[in-house]
Amino acid sequence: MSITFPDGHKKIFPDGLSGHDIAKTISKSLSKQAVAIKIDGVQKDLTDPITKDCEVSLITVNTDEGLEIMRHTVAAQVLARAIKNLYPKAKLAIGPTIKNGFYYDVMFEKPISFEDLEFIEKEMKRIS
């Protein structure tokens, strides 16, 4: 399959290669910095197989888009897991990223205290 990069350069790869595999062929450091890939303009996971000719753009952690992905997939998900571990009956609602981080709307069975927040933070550290 023919892969076209943002600079217009084209390269032939075997069908079924992942975005991570493609990043590794470019450079080891790029494969470590990549957090997602755009295939024909659509954001995809780095592990998704690519099976047809397309245009690709690797999304790295040092871009706004990459940082948003990292905030949501790592930090927000660790927070959600910590809350569910400690408060199994808690109901998680929306958890979007915002300009300087992310937030989660959570409904607890009873109001939480600052001590509870410290407890949640410790659980997040344990998980990560």
C-alpha atoms as a PDB file:
ATOM      1  CA  MET A   1       0.000   0.000   0.000  1.00  0.00           C
ATOM      2  CA  SER A   2       1.124   3.555  -0.660  1.00  0.00           C
ATOM      3  CA  ILE A   3       1.318   5.919   2.327  1.00  0.00           C
ATOM      4  CA  THR A   4       1.496   9.666   1.712  1.00  0.00           C
ATOM      5  CA  PHE A   5       3.026  11.821   4.456  1.00  0.00           C
ATOM      6  CA  PRO A   6       2.156  15.471   5.205  1.00  0.00           C
ATOM      7  CA  ASP A   7       5.171  16.727   3.228  1.00  0.00           C
ATOM      8  CA  GLY A   8       3.911  14.880   0.124  1.00  0.00           C
ATOM      9  CA  HIS A   9       6.521  12.102   0.371  1.00  0.00           C
ATOM     10  CA  LYS A  10       5.137   8.651  -0.519  1.00  0.00           C
ATOM     11  CA  LYS A  11       6.373   5.301   0.685  1.00  0.00           C
ATOM     12  CA  ILE A  12       5.228   1.724   0.030  1.00  0.00           C
ATOM     13  CA  PHE A  13       4.409  -0.445   3.059  1.00  0.00           C
ATOM     14  CA  PRO A  14       2.901  -3.933   3.430  1.00  0.00           C
ATOM     15  CA  ASP A  15      -0.862  -4.027   4.044  1.00  0.00           C
ATOM     16  CA  GLY A  16      -1.894  -4.266   7.689  1.00  0.00           C
ATOM     17  CA  LEU A  17       0.954  -2.248   9.163  1.00  0.00           C
ATOM     18  CA  SER A  18      -0.018  -0.108  12.169  1.00  0.00           C
ATOM     19  CA  GLY A  19       0.651   3.574  12.725  1.00  0.00           C
ATOM     20  CA  HIS A  20       3.170   2.595  15.378  1.00  0.00           C
ATOM     21  CA  ASP A  21       4.984   0.391  12.855  1.00  0.00           C
ATOM     22  CA  ILE A  22       5.118   3.280  10.391  1.00  0.00           C
ATOM     23  CA  ALA A  23       6.427   5.649  13.080  1.00  0.00           C
ATOM     24  CA  LYS A  24       9.213   3.152  13.895  1.00  0.00           C
ATOM     25  CA  THR A  25      10.338   3.128  10.247  1.00  0.00           C
ATOM     26  CA  ILE A  26      10.772   6.904  10.400  1.00  0.00           C
ATOM     27  CA  SER A  27      12.622   7.127  13.720  1.00  0.00           C
ATOM     28  CA  LYS A  28      12.778   5.498  17.125  1.00  0.00           C
ATOM     29  CA  SER A  29      12.129   8.826  18.859  1.00  0.00           C
ATOM     30  CA  LEU A  30       9.032   9.468  16.734  1.00  0.00           C
ATOM     31  CA  SER A  31       7.642   6.059  17.649  1.00  0.00           C
ATOM     32  CA  LYS A  32       8.045   6.969  21.333  1.00  0.00           C
ATOM     33  CA  GLN A  33       6.435  10.415  20.937  1.00  0.00           C
ATOM     34  CA  ALA A  34       3.507   9.329  18.752  1.00  0.00           C
ATOM     35  CA  VAL A  35       0.180   8.977  20.591  1.00  0.00           C
ATOM     36  CA  ALA A  36      -2.217   8.626  17.645  1.00  0.00           C
ATOM     37  CA  ILE A  37      -2.386   8.800  13.869  1.00  0.00           C
ATOM     38  CA  LYS A  38      -4.635  10.526  11.369  1.00  0.00           C
ATOM     39  CA  ILE A  39      -5.558   8.356   8.417  1.00  0.00           C
ATOM     40  CA  ASP A  40      -7.095  10.396   5.612  1.00  0.00           C
ATOM     41  CA  GLY A  41      -7.817  13.089   8.202  1.00  0.00           C
ATOM     42  CA  VAL A  42      -9.538  10.774  10.701  1.00  0.00           C
ATOM     43  CA  GLN A  43      -7.898  10.250  14.098  1.00  0.00           C
ATOM     44  CA  LYS A  44      -7.160   6.585  14.820  1.00  0.00           C
ATOM     45  CA  ASP A  45      -5.347   4.510  17.405  1.00  0.00           C
ATOM     46  CA  LEU A  46      -1.689   3.772  16.655  1.00  0.00           C
ATOM     47  CA  THR A  47      -2.398   0.034  16.790  1.00  0.00           C
ATOM     48  CA  ASP A  48      -5.142   0.066  14.147  1.00  0.00           C
ATOM     49  CA  PRO A  49      -4.061  -1.763  10.986  1.00  0.00           C
ATOM     50  CA  ILE A  50      -3.820   0.296   7.812  1.00  0.00           C
ATOM     51  CA  THR A  51      -5.081  -1.688   4.841  1.00  0.00           C
ATOM     52  CA  LYS A  52      -5.307   0.747   1.936  1.00  0.00           C
ATOM     53  CA  ASP A  53      -3.505   3.604   0.232  1.00  0.00           C
ATOM     54  CA  CYS A  54      -3.956   6.727   2.334  1.00  0.00           C
ATOM     55  CA  GLU A  55      -2.534   9.948   3.694  1.00  0.00           C
ATOM     56  CA  VAL A  56      -1.201   9.709   7.232  1.00  0.00           C
ATOM     57  CA  SER A  57      -0.122  12.195   9.839  1.00  0.00           C
ATOM     58  CA  LEU A  58       1.353  11.088  13.152  1.00  0.00           C
ATOM     59  CA  ILE A  59       0.141  12.949  16.245  1.00  0.00           C
ATOM     60  CA  THR A  60       2.846  13.412  18.868  1.00  0.00           C
ATOM     61  CA  VAL A  61       2.652  14.228  22.558  1.00  0.00           C
ATOM     62  CA  ASN A  62       4.348  17.591  21.981  1.00  0.00           C
ATOM     63  CA  THR A  63       1.385  19.003  20.017  1.00  0.00           C
ATOM     64  CA  ASP A  64      -1.858  20.453  21.385  1.00  0.00           C
ATOM     65  CA  GLU A  65      -3.800  17.589  19.845  1.00  0.00           C
ATOM     66  CA  GLY A  66      -1.420  14.999  21.274  1.00  0.00           C
ATOM     67  CA  LEU A  67      -1.523  16.581  24.718  1.00  0.00           C
ATOM     68  CA  GLU A  68      -5.331  16.492  24.660  1.00  0.00           C
ATOM     69  CA  ILE A  69      -5.225  12.788  23.790  1.00  0.00           C
ATOM     70  CA  MET A  70      -2.780  12.091  26.618  1.00  0.00           C
ATOM     71  CA  ARG A  71      -4.822  14.053  29.140  1.00  0.00           C
ATOM     72  CA  HIS A  72      -7.938  12.152  28.291  1.00  0.00           C
ATOM     73  CA  THR A  73      -6.572   8.679  27.805  1.00  0.00           C
ATOM     74  CA  VAL A  74      -4.108   8.640  30.659  1.00  0.00           C
ATOM     75  CA  ALA A  75      -4.801  11.124  33.437  1.00  0.00           C
ATOM     76  CA  ALA A  76      -8.588  11.220  33.184  1.00  0.00           C
ATOM     77  CA  GLN A  77      -8.866   7.455  32.897  1.00  0.00           C
ATOM     78  CA  VAL A  78      -6.598   6.926  35.922  1.00  0.00           C
ATOM     79  CA  LEU A  79      -8.800   9.328  37.899  1.00  0.00           C
ATOM     80  CA  ALA A  80     -11.933   7.466  36.822  1.00  0.00           C
ATOM     81  CA  ARG A  81     -10.415   4.083  37.748  1.00  0.00           C
ATOM     82  CA  ALA A  82      -9.260   5.378  41.157  1.00  0.00           C
ATOM     83  CA  ILE A  83     -12.733   6.706  41.947  1.00  0.00           C
ATOM     84  CA  LYS A  84     -14.402   3.446  40.915  1.00  0.00           C
ATOM     85  CA  ASN A  85     -11.872   1.411  42.938  1.00  0.00           C
ATOM     86  CA  LEU A  86     -12.535   3.432  46.080  1.00  0.00           C
ATOM     87  CA  TYR A  87     -16.209   4.246  45.545  1.00  0.00           C
ATOM     88  CA  PRO A  88     -17.734   1.434  43.447  1.00  0.00           C
ATOM     89  CA  LYS A  89     -21.208   3.006  43.561  1.00  0.00           C
ATOM     90  CA  ALA A  90     -19.979   6.388  42.290  1.00  0.00           C
ATOM     91  CA  LYS A  91     -21.462   7.378  38.945  1.00  0.00           C
ATOM     92  CA  LEU A  92     -19.086   8.907  36.418  1.00  0.00           C
ATOM     93  CA  ALA A  93     -20.601  11.316  33.935  1.00  0.00           C
ATOM     94  CA  ILE A  94     -18.742  13.520  31.497  1.00  0.00           C
ATOM     95  CA  GLY A  95     -14.928  13.576  31.512  1.00  0.00           C
ATOM     96  CA  PRO A  96     -13.730  15.938  28.774  1.00  0.00           C
ATOM     97  CA  THR A  97     -10.405  17.652  28.337  1.00  0.00           C
ATOM     98  CA  ILE A  98     -10.302  21.425  28.660  1.00  0.00           C
ATOM     99  CA  LYS A  99      -7.643  24.003  27.798  1.00  0.00           C
ATOM    100  CA  ASN A 100      -5.437  23.393  30.835  1.00  0.00           C
ATOM    101  CA  GLY A 101      -6.359  19.839  31.801  1.00  0.00           C
ATOM    102  CA  PHE A 102      -9.572  17.861  32.224  1.00  0.00           C
ATOM    103  CA  TYR A 103     -12.407  17.306  34.648  1.00  0.00           C
ATOM    104  CA  TYR A 104     -14.894  14.613  35.572  1.00  0.00           C
ATOM    105  CA  ASP A 105     -18.437  15.072  36.811  1.00  0.00           C
ATOM    106  CA  VAL A 106     -18.968  12.445  39.497  1.00  0.00           C
ATOM    107  CA  MET A 107     -22.016  11.622  41.589  1.00  0.00           C
ATOM    108  CA  PHE A 108     -21.015  10.123  44.931  1.00  0.00           C
ATOM    109  CA  GLU A 109     -23.427   8.516  47.391  1.00  0.00           C
ATOM    110  CA  LYS A 110     -22.485  11.173  49.951  1.00  0.00           C
ATOM    111  CA  PRO A 111     -20.488  14.428  49.766  1.00  0.00           C
ATOM    112  CA  ILE A 112     -16.724  13.978  49.735  1.00  0.00           C
ATOM    113  CA  SER A 113     -14.156  15.889  51.799  1.00  0.00           C
ATOM    114  CA  PHE A 114     -10.647  17.182  51.170  1.00  0.00           C
ATOM    115  CA  GLU A 115      -9.393  14.039  52.914  1.00  0.00           C
ATOM    116  CA  ASP A 116     -11.287  11.973  50.333  1.00  0.00           C
ATOM    117  CA  LEU A 117      -9.505  13.894  47.566  1.00  0.00           C
ATOM    118  CA  GLU A 118      -6.149  13.000  49.127  1.00  0.00           C
ATOM    119  CA  PHE A 119      -7.285   9.365  49.300  1.00  0.00           C
ATOM    120  CA  ILE A 120      -8.242   9.464  45.600  1.00  0.00           C
ATOM    121  CA  GLU A 121      -4.886  11.034  44.708  1.00  0.00           C
ATOM    122  CA  LYS A 122      -3.021   8.261  46.548  1.00  0.00           C
ATOM    123  CA  GLU A 123      -5.039   5.653  44.657  1.00  0.00           C
ATOM    124  CA  MET A 124      -4.197   7.377  41.359  1.00  0.00           C
ATOM    125  CA  LYS A 125      -0.490   7.196  42.219  1.00  0.00           C
ATOM    126  CA  ARG A 126      -0.847   3.520  43.131  1.00  0.00           C
ATOM    127  CA  ILE A 127      -2.533   2.756  39.791  1.00  0.00           C
ATOM    128  CA  SER A 128      -0.043   4.662  37.680  1.00  0.00           C
END
